């Protein structure tokens, strides 16, 4: 329901019921935030997201979402703190569970925190030493296809033309491969 524009209000009511049943159910808060955001109610989305914080203190994905809603609401100092917390927690998770998906989120959190493009070498330096060549390739291929800036646009809910996204991803990837620093 949260992915269909015509059912967002109903989804919010159901998510409110879920929160009433279990106030520690973080996923209900995050989905409700996403529904509110899709309805253009970004202040409410932020407030709903913040209501979950006491239940999500060690959840890096919560802090990424919090950072997104803080950014959408123009709260840039707090946004940086949220992105930094996400980056730190994802780094801890990556050490415990060296996984390509966690690594992609870790690199993305680094980008959100710093706001700077990264070269392939910089991305590789963030990967666990235990990664195989195939795992490294999977992570780098993701960013070749999507690109850091385009992934952020997606997180912020900004429409990205698929053709332009692919072109930008390719340019960004070539740029990363040819960067000399």
C-alpha atoms as a PDB file:
ATOM      1  CA  UNK A   1       0.000   0.000   0.000  1.00  0.00           C
ATOM      2  CA  UNK A   2       2.805   2.438   0.734  1.00  0.00           C
ATOM      3  CA  UNK A   3       3.918   2.257  -2.876  1.00  0.00           C
ATOM      4  CA  UNK A   4       0.532   3.240  -4.356  1.00  0.00           C
ATOM      5  CA  UNK A   5      -0.336   6.940  -4.265  1.00  0.00           C
ATOM      6  CA  UNK A   6      -4.062   6.248  -3.966  1.00  0.00           C
ATOM      7  CA  UNK A   7      -3.678   4.199  -0.772  1.00  0.00           C
ATOM      8  CA  UNK A   8      -1.156   6.255   1.228  1.00  0.00           C
ATOM      9  CA  UNK A   9      -3.734   7.686   3.676  1.00  0.00           C
ATOM     10  CA  UNK A  10      -5.099   4.193   4.376  1.00  0.00           C
ATOM     11  CA  UNK A  11      -1.559   2.892   4.823  1.00  0.00           C
ATOM     12  CA  UNK A  12      -0.885   5.668   7.363  1.00  0.00           C
ATOM     13  CA  UNK A  13      -3.974   4.618   9.367  1.00  0.00           C
ATOM     14  CA  UNK A  14      -2.855   0.990   9.370  1.00  0.00           C
ATOM     15  CA  UNK A  15       0.670   1.964  10.362  1.00  0.00           C
ATOM     16  CA  UNK A  16      -0.765   4.060  13.216  1.00  0.00           C
ATOM     17  CA  UNK A  17      -2.605   0.932  14.380  1.00  0.00           C
ATOM     18  CA  UNK A  18       0.634  -1.073  14.228  1.00  0.00           C
ATOM     19  CA  UNK A  19       2.429   1.608  16.262  1.00  0.00           C
ATOM     20  CA  UNK A  20      -0.414   1.600  18.819  1.00  0.00           C
ATOM     21  CA  UNK A  21      -0.029  -2.164  19.194  1.00  0.00           C
ATOM     22  CA  UNK A  22       3.786  -2.067  19.400  1.00  0.00           C
ATOM     23  CA  UNK A  23       5.306   1.364  19.902  1.00  0.00           C
ATOM     24  CA  UNK A  24       8.812  -0.078  19.432  1.00  0.00           C
ATOM     25  CA  UNK A  25       8.094  -1.307  15.867  1.00  0.00           C
ATOM     26  CA  UNK A  26      10.589   0.929  14.045  1.00  0.00           C
ATOM     27  CA  UNK A  27       9.602  -0.278  10.584  1.00  0.00           C
ATOM     28  CA  UNK A  28       6.055   1.039  11.093  1.00  0.00           C
ATOM     29  CA  UNK A  29       7.435   4.508  11.866  1.00  0.00           C
ATOM     30  CA  UNK A  30       9.767   4.483   8.890  1.00  0.00           C
ATOM     31  CA  UNK A  31       7.037   3.326   6.499  1.00  0.00           C
ATOM     32  CA  UNK A  32       4.662   5.947   7.895  1.00  0.00           C
ATOM     33  CA  UNK A  33       7.375   8.582   7.368  1.00  0.00           C
ATOM     34  CA  UNK A  34       7.744   7.461   3.773  1.00  0.00           C
ATOM     35  CA  UNK A  35       3.973   7.698   3.202  1.00  0.00           C
ATOM     36  CA  UNK A  36       3.846  11.184   4.682  1.00  0.00           C
ATOM     37  CA  UNK A  37       6.819  12.214   2.561  1.00  0.00           C
ATOM     38  CA  UNK A  38       5.158  10.907  -0.611  1.00  0.00           C
ATOM     39  CA  UNK A  39       2.124  13.020   0.303  1.00  0.00           C
ATOM     40  CA  UNK A  40       4.399  16.084   0.542  1.00  0.00           C
ATOM     41  CA  UNK A  41       4.087  16.290   4.320  1.00  0.00           C
ATOM     42  CA  UNK A  42       7.840  16.353   5.015  1.00  0.00           C
ATOM     43  CA  UNK A  43       7.616  17.999   8.444  1.00  0.00           C
ATOM     44  CA  UNK A  44       5.275  15.268   9.640  1.00  0.00           C
ATOM     45  CA  UNK A  45       7.553  12.670   8.034  1.00  0.00           C
ATOM     46  CA  UNK A  46      10.470  14.011  10.068  1.00  0.00           C
ATOM     47  CA  UNK A  47       8.461  14.086  13.303  1.00  0.00           C
ATOM     48  CA  UNK A  48       7.285  10.515  12.760  1.00  0.00           C
ATOM     49  CA  UNK A  49      10.834   9.411  12.025  1.00  0.00           C
ATOM     50  CA  UNK A  50      12.117  11.126  15.170  1.00  0.00           C
ATOM     51  CA  UNK A  51       9.454   9.333  17.222  1.00  0.00           C
ATOM     52  CA  UNK A  52      11.193   6.035  16.456  1.00  0.00           C
ATOM     53  CA  UNK A  53      14.670   7.096  17.531  1.00  0.00           C
ATOM     54  CA  UNK A  54      14.538   5.710  21.058  1.00  0.00           C
ATOM     55  CA  UNK A  55      13.832   2.286  19.539  1.00  0.00           C
ATOM     56  CA  UNK A  56      16.480   2.526  16.813  1.00  0.00           C
ATOM     57  CA  UNK A  57      19.599   3.722  18.616  1.00  0.00           C
ATOM     58  CA  UNK A  58      21.848   1.142  16.961  1.00  0.00           C
ATOM     59  CA  UNK A  59      20.098   0.980  13.576  1.00  0.00           C
ATOM     60  CA  UNK A  60      22.264   2.591  10.870  1.00  0.00           C
ATOM     61  CA  UNK A  61      19.458   2.550   8.306  1.00  0.00           C
ATOM     62  CA  UNK A  62      17.266   4.563  10.661  1.00  0.00           C
ATOM     63  CA  UNK A  63      19.956   7.260  10.861  1.00  0.00           C
ATOM     64  CA  UNK A  64      20.226   7.404   7.067  1.00  0.00           C
ATOM     65  CA  UNK A  65      16.467   7.942   6.852  1.00  0.00           C
ATOM     66  CA  UNK A  66      16.603  10.490   9.659  1.00  0.00           C
ATOM     67  CA  UNK A  67      19.328  12.354   7.773  1.00  0.00           C
ATOM     68  CA  UNK A  68      17.211  12.366   4.613  1.00  0.00           C
ATOM     69  CA  UNK A  69      14.227  13.899   6.436  1.00  0.00           C
ATOM     70  CA  UNK A  70      16.413  16.404   8.259  1.00  0.00           C
ATOM     71  CA  UNK A  71      17.900  17.432   4.906  1.00  0.00           C
ATOM     72  CA  UNK A  72      14.452  17.779   3.340  1.00  0.00           C
ATOM     73  CA  UNK A  73      13.487  20.025   6.257  1.00  0.00           C
ATOM     74  CA  UNK A  74      16.622  22.201   5.957  1.00  0.00           C
ATOM     75  CA  UNK A  75      18.150  21.074   9.261  1.00  0.00           C
ATOM     76  CA  UNK A  76      21.651  20.659   7.885  1.00  0.00           C
ATOM     77  CA  UNK A  77      23.696  20.517  11.103  1.00  0.00           C
ATOM     78  CA  UNK A  78      21.502  17.781  12.549  1.00  0.00           C
ATOM     79  CA  UNK A  79      21.504  16.075   9.142  1.00  0.00           C
ATOM     80  CA  UNK A  80      25.303  15.750   9.229  1.00  0.00           C
ATOM     81  CA  UNK A  81      25.148  14.220  12.713  1.00  0.00           C
ATOM     82  CA  UNK A  82      22.591  11.646  11.520  1.00  0.00           C
ATOM     83  CA  UNK A  83      24.633  10.739   8.434  1.00  0.00           C
ATOM     84  CA  UNK A  84      27.789  10.479  10.537  1.00  0.00           C
ATOM     85  CA  UNK A  85      26.033   8.159  13.006  1.00  0.00           C
ATOM     86  CA  UNK A  86      24.811   6.025  10.088  1.00  0.00           C
ATOM     87  CA  UNK A  87      28.348   5.832   8.686  1.00  0.00           C
ATOM     88  CA  UNK A  88      29.815   4.796  12.056  1.00  0.00           C
ATOM     89  CA  UNK A  89      27.144   2.151  12.698  1.00  0.00           C
ATOM     90  CA  UNK A  90      27.418   0.757   9.170  1.00  0.00           C
ATOM     91  CA  UNK A  91      31.195   0.530   9.622  1.00  0.00           C
ATOM     92  CA  UNK A  92      30.650  -1.548  12.758  1.00  0.00           C
ATOM     93  CA  UNK A  93      28.108  -3.724  10.951  1.00  0.00           C
ATOM     94  CA  UNK A  94      30.484  -4.202   8.008  1.00  0.00           C
ATOM     95  CA  UNK A  95      33.218  -5.420  10.370  1.00  0.00           C
ATOM     96  CA  UNK A  96      30.835  -8.006  11.864  1.00  0.00           C
ATOM     97  CA  UNK A  97      29.212  -8.933   8.550  1.00  0.00           C
ATOM     98  CA  UNK A  98      31.415  -8.265   5.509  1.00  0.00           C
ATOM     99  CA  UNK A  99      28.620  -8.196   2.950  1.00  0.00           C
ATOM    100  CA  UNK A 100      28.341  -6.350  -0.388  1.00  0.00           C
ATOM    101  CA  UNK A 101      24.961  -4.798   0.468  1.00  0.00           C
ATOM    102  CA  UNK A 102      26.215  -3.495   3.805  1.00  0.00           C
ATOM    103  CA  UNK A 103      29.313  -2.168   2.026  1.00  0.00           C
ATOM    104  CA  UNK A 104      27.184  -0.328  -0.544  1.00  0.00           C
ATOM    105  CA  UNK A 105      25.240   1.319   2.276  1.00  0.00           C
ATOM    106  CA  UNK A 106      28.498   2.113   4.093  1.00  0.00           C
ATOM    107  CA  UNK A 107      29.974   3.845   1.034  1.00  0.00           C
ATOM    108  CA  UNK A 108      26.695   5.682   0.490  1.00  0.00           C
ATOM    109  CA  UNK A 109      26.672   6.836   4.129  1.00  0.00           C
ATOM    110  CA  UNK A 110      30.232   8.116   3.673  1.00  0.00           C
ATOM    111  CA  UNK A 111      29.090  10.068   0.612  1.00  0.00           C
ATOM    112  CA  UNK A 112      26.039  11.454   2.416  1.00  0.00           C
ATOM    113  CA  UNK A 113      28.219  12.471   5.352  1.00  0.00           C
ATOM    114  CA  UNK A 114      31.031  14.058   3.317  1.00  0.00           C
ATOM    115  CA  UNK A 115      29.092  15.185   0.247  1.00  0.00           C
ATOM    116  CA  UNK A 116      32.072  14.426  -1.999  1.00  0.00           C
ATOM    117  CA  UNK A 117      32.433  12.086  -4.964  1.00  0.00           C
ATOM    118  CA  UNK A 118      34.854   9.222  -4.399  1.00  0.00           C
ATOM    119  CA  UNK A 119      37.331   7.568  -6.685  1.00  0.00           C
ATOM    120  CA  UNK A 120      37.330   3.799  -7.177  1.00  0.00           C
ATOM    121  CA  UNK A 121      40.423   3.657  -4.970  1.00  0.00           C
ATOM    122  CA  UNK A 122      38.648   5.575  -2.200  1.00  0.00           C
ATOM    123  CA  UNK A 123      35.680   3.206  -2.405  1.00  0.00           C
ATOM    124  CA  UNK A 124      37.960   0.166  -2.385  1.00  0.00           C
ATOM    125  CA  UNK A 125      39.713   1.512   0.719  1.00  0.00           C
ATOM    126  CA  UNK A 126      36.342   1.373   2.514  1.00  0.00           C
ATOM    127  CA  UNK A 127      35.823  -2.293   1.610  1.00  0.00           C
ATOM    128  CA  UNK A 128      36.803  -5.099   3.978  1.00  0.00           C
ATOM    129  CA  UNK A 129      40.183  -6.666   3.247  1.00  0.00           C
ATOM    130  CA  UNK A 130      38.415 -10.034   3.158  1.00  0.00           C
ATOM    131  CA  UNK A 131      36.349  -9.095   0.090  1.00  0.00           C
ATOM    132  CA  UNK A 132      36.985 -11.205  -2.968  1.00  0.00           C
ATOM    133  CA  UNK A 133      37.553  -9.651  -6.372  1.00  0.00           C
ATOM    134  CA  UNK A 134      33.951 -10.573  -7.257  1.00  0.00           C
ATOM    135  CA  UNK A 135      32.554  -8.860  -4.145  1.00  0.00           C
ATOM    136  CA  UNK A 136      34.560  -5.711  -4.876  1.00  0.00           C
ATOM    137  CA  UNK A 137      33.349  -5.786  -8.477  1.00  0.00           C
ATOM    138  CA  UNK A 138      29.704  -6.107  -7.348  1.00  0.00           C
ATOM    139  CA  UNK A 139      30.004  -3.038  -5.131  1.00  0.00           C
ATOM    140  CA  UNK A 140      31.803  -0.988  -7.775  1.00  0.00           C
ATOM    141  CA  UNK A 141      29.363  -2.103 -10.473  1.00  0.00           C
ATOM    142  CA  UNK A 142      26.486  -0.838  -8.332  1.00  0.00           C
ATOM    143  CA  UNK A 143      28.028   2.620  -8.188  1.00  0.00           C
ATOM    144  CA  UNK A 144      28.960   2.437 -11.877  1.00  0.00           C
ATOM    145  CA  UNK A 145      25.288   1.849 -12.676  1.00  0.00           C
ATOM    146  CA  UNK A 146      23.760   4.252 -10.182  1.00  0.00           C
ATOM    147  CA  UNK A 147      26.381   6.804  -9.178  1.00  0.00           C
ATOM    148  CA  UNK A 148      26.624   8.385  -5.734  1.00  0.00           C
ATOM    149  CA  UNK A 149      24.858  11.640  -6.599  1.00  0.00           C
ATOM    150  CA  UNK A 150      22.052   9.788  -8.363  1.00  0.00           C
ATOM    151  CA  UNK A 151      21.603   7.402  -5.428  1.00  0.00           C
ATOM    152  CA  UNK A 152      21.271  10.411  -3.133  1.00  0.00           C
ATOM    153  CA  UNK A 153      18.676  11.948  -5.455  1.00  0.00           C
ATOM    154  CA  UNK A 154      16.730   8.708  -5.222  1.00  0.00           C
ATOM    155  CA  UNK A 155      16.921   8.724  -1.424  1.00  0.00           C
ATOM    156  CA  UNK A 156      15.663  12.302  -1.392  1.00  0.00           C
ATOM    157  CA  UNK A 157      12.764  11.253  -3.583  1.00  0.00           C
ATOM    158  CA  UNK A 158      13.861  13.293  -6.563  1.00  0.00           C
ATOM    159  CA  UNK A 159      12.992  11.847  -9.939  1.00  0.00           C
ATOM    160  CA  UNK A 160      15.986  10.724 -11.932  1.00  0.00           C
ATOM    161  CA  UNK A 161      15.625  10.061 -15.653  1.00  0.00           C
ATOM    162  CA  UNK A 162      16.821   6.484 -16.157  1.00  0.00           C
ATOM    163  CA  UNK A 163      18.721   7.360 -19.349  1.00  0.00           C
ATOM    164  CA  UNK A 164      20.362  10.370 -17.749  1.00  0.00           C
ATOM    165  CA  UNK A 165      21.051   8.312 -14.611  1.00  0.00           C
ATOM    166  CA  UNK A 166      22.821   5.636 -16.665  1.00  0.00           C
ATOM    167  CA  UNK A 167      24.849   8.258 -18.536  1.00  0.00           C
ATOM    168  CA  UNK A 168      25.775  10.052 -15.313  1.00  0.00           C
ATOM    169  CA  UNK A 169      26.691   6.763 -13.660  1.00  0.00           C
ATOM    170  CA  UNK A 170      28.972   5.861 -16.548  1.00  0.00           C
ATOM    171  CA  UNK A 171      30.616   9.317 -16.552  1.00  0.00           C
ATOM    172  CA  UNK A 172      30.998   9.215 -12.792  1.00  0.00           C
ATOM    173  CA  UNK A 173      32.542   5.745 -12.960  1.00  0.00           C
ATOM    174  CA  UNK A 174      34.945   6.721 -15.759  1.00  0.00           C
ATOM    175  CA  UNK A 175      35.842   9.807 -13.788  1.00  0.00           C
ATOM    176  CA  UNK A 176      36.543   7.652 -10.711  1.00  0.00           C
ATOM    177  CA  UNK A 177      38.772   5.336 -12.757  1.00  0.00           C
ATOM    178  CA  UNK A 178      40.807   8.182 -14.235  1.00  0.00           C
ATOM    179  CA  UNK A 179      41.186  10.268 -11.109  1.00  0.00           C
ATOM    180  CA  UNK A 180      44.830  10.526 -10.122  1.00  0.00           C
ATOM    181  CA  UNK A 181      44.545  11.329  -6.421  1.00  0.00           C
END
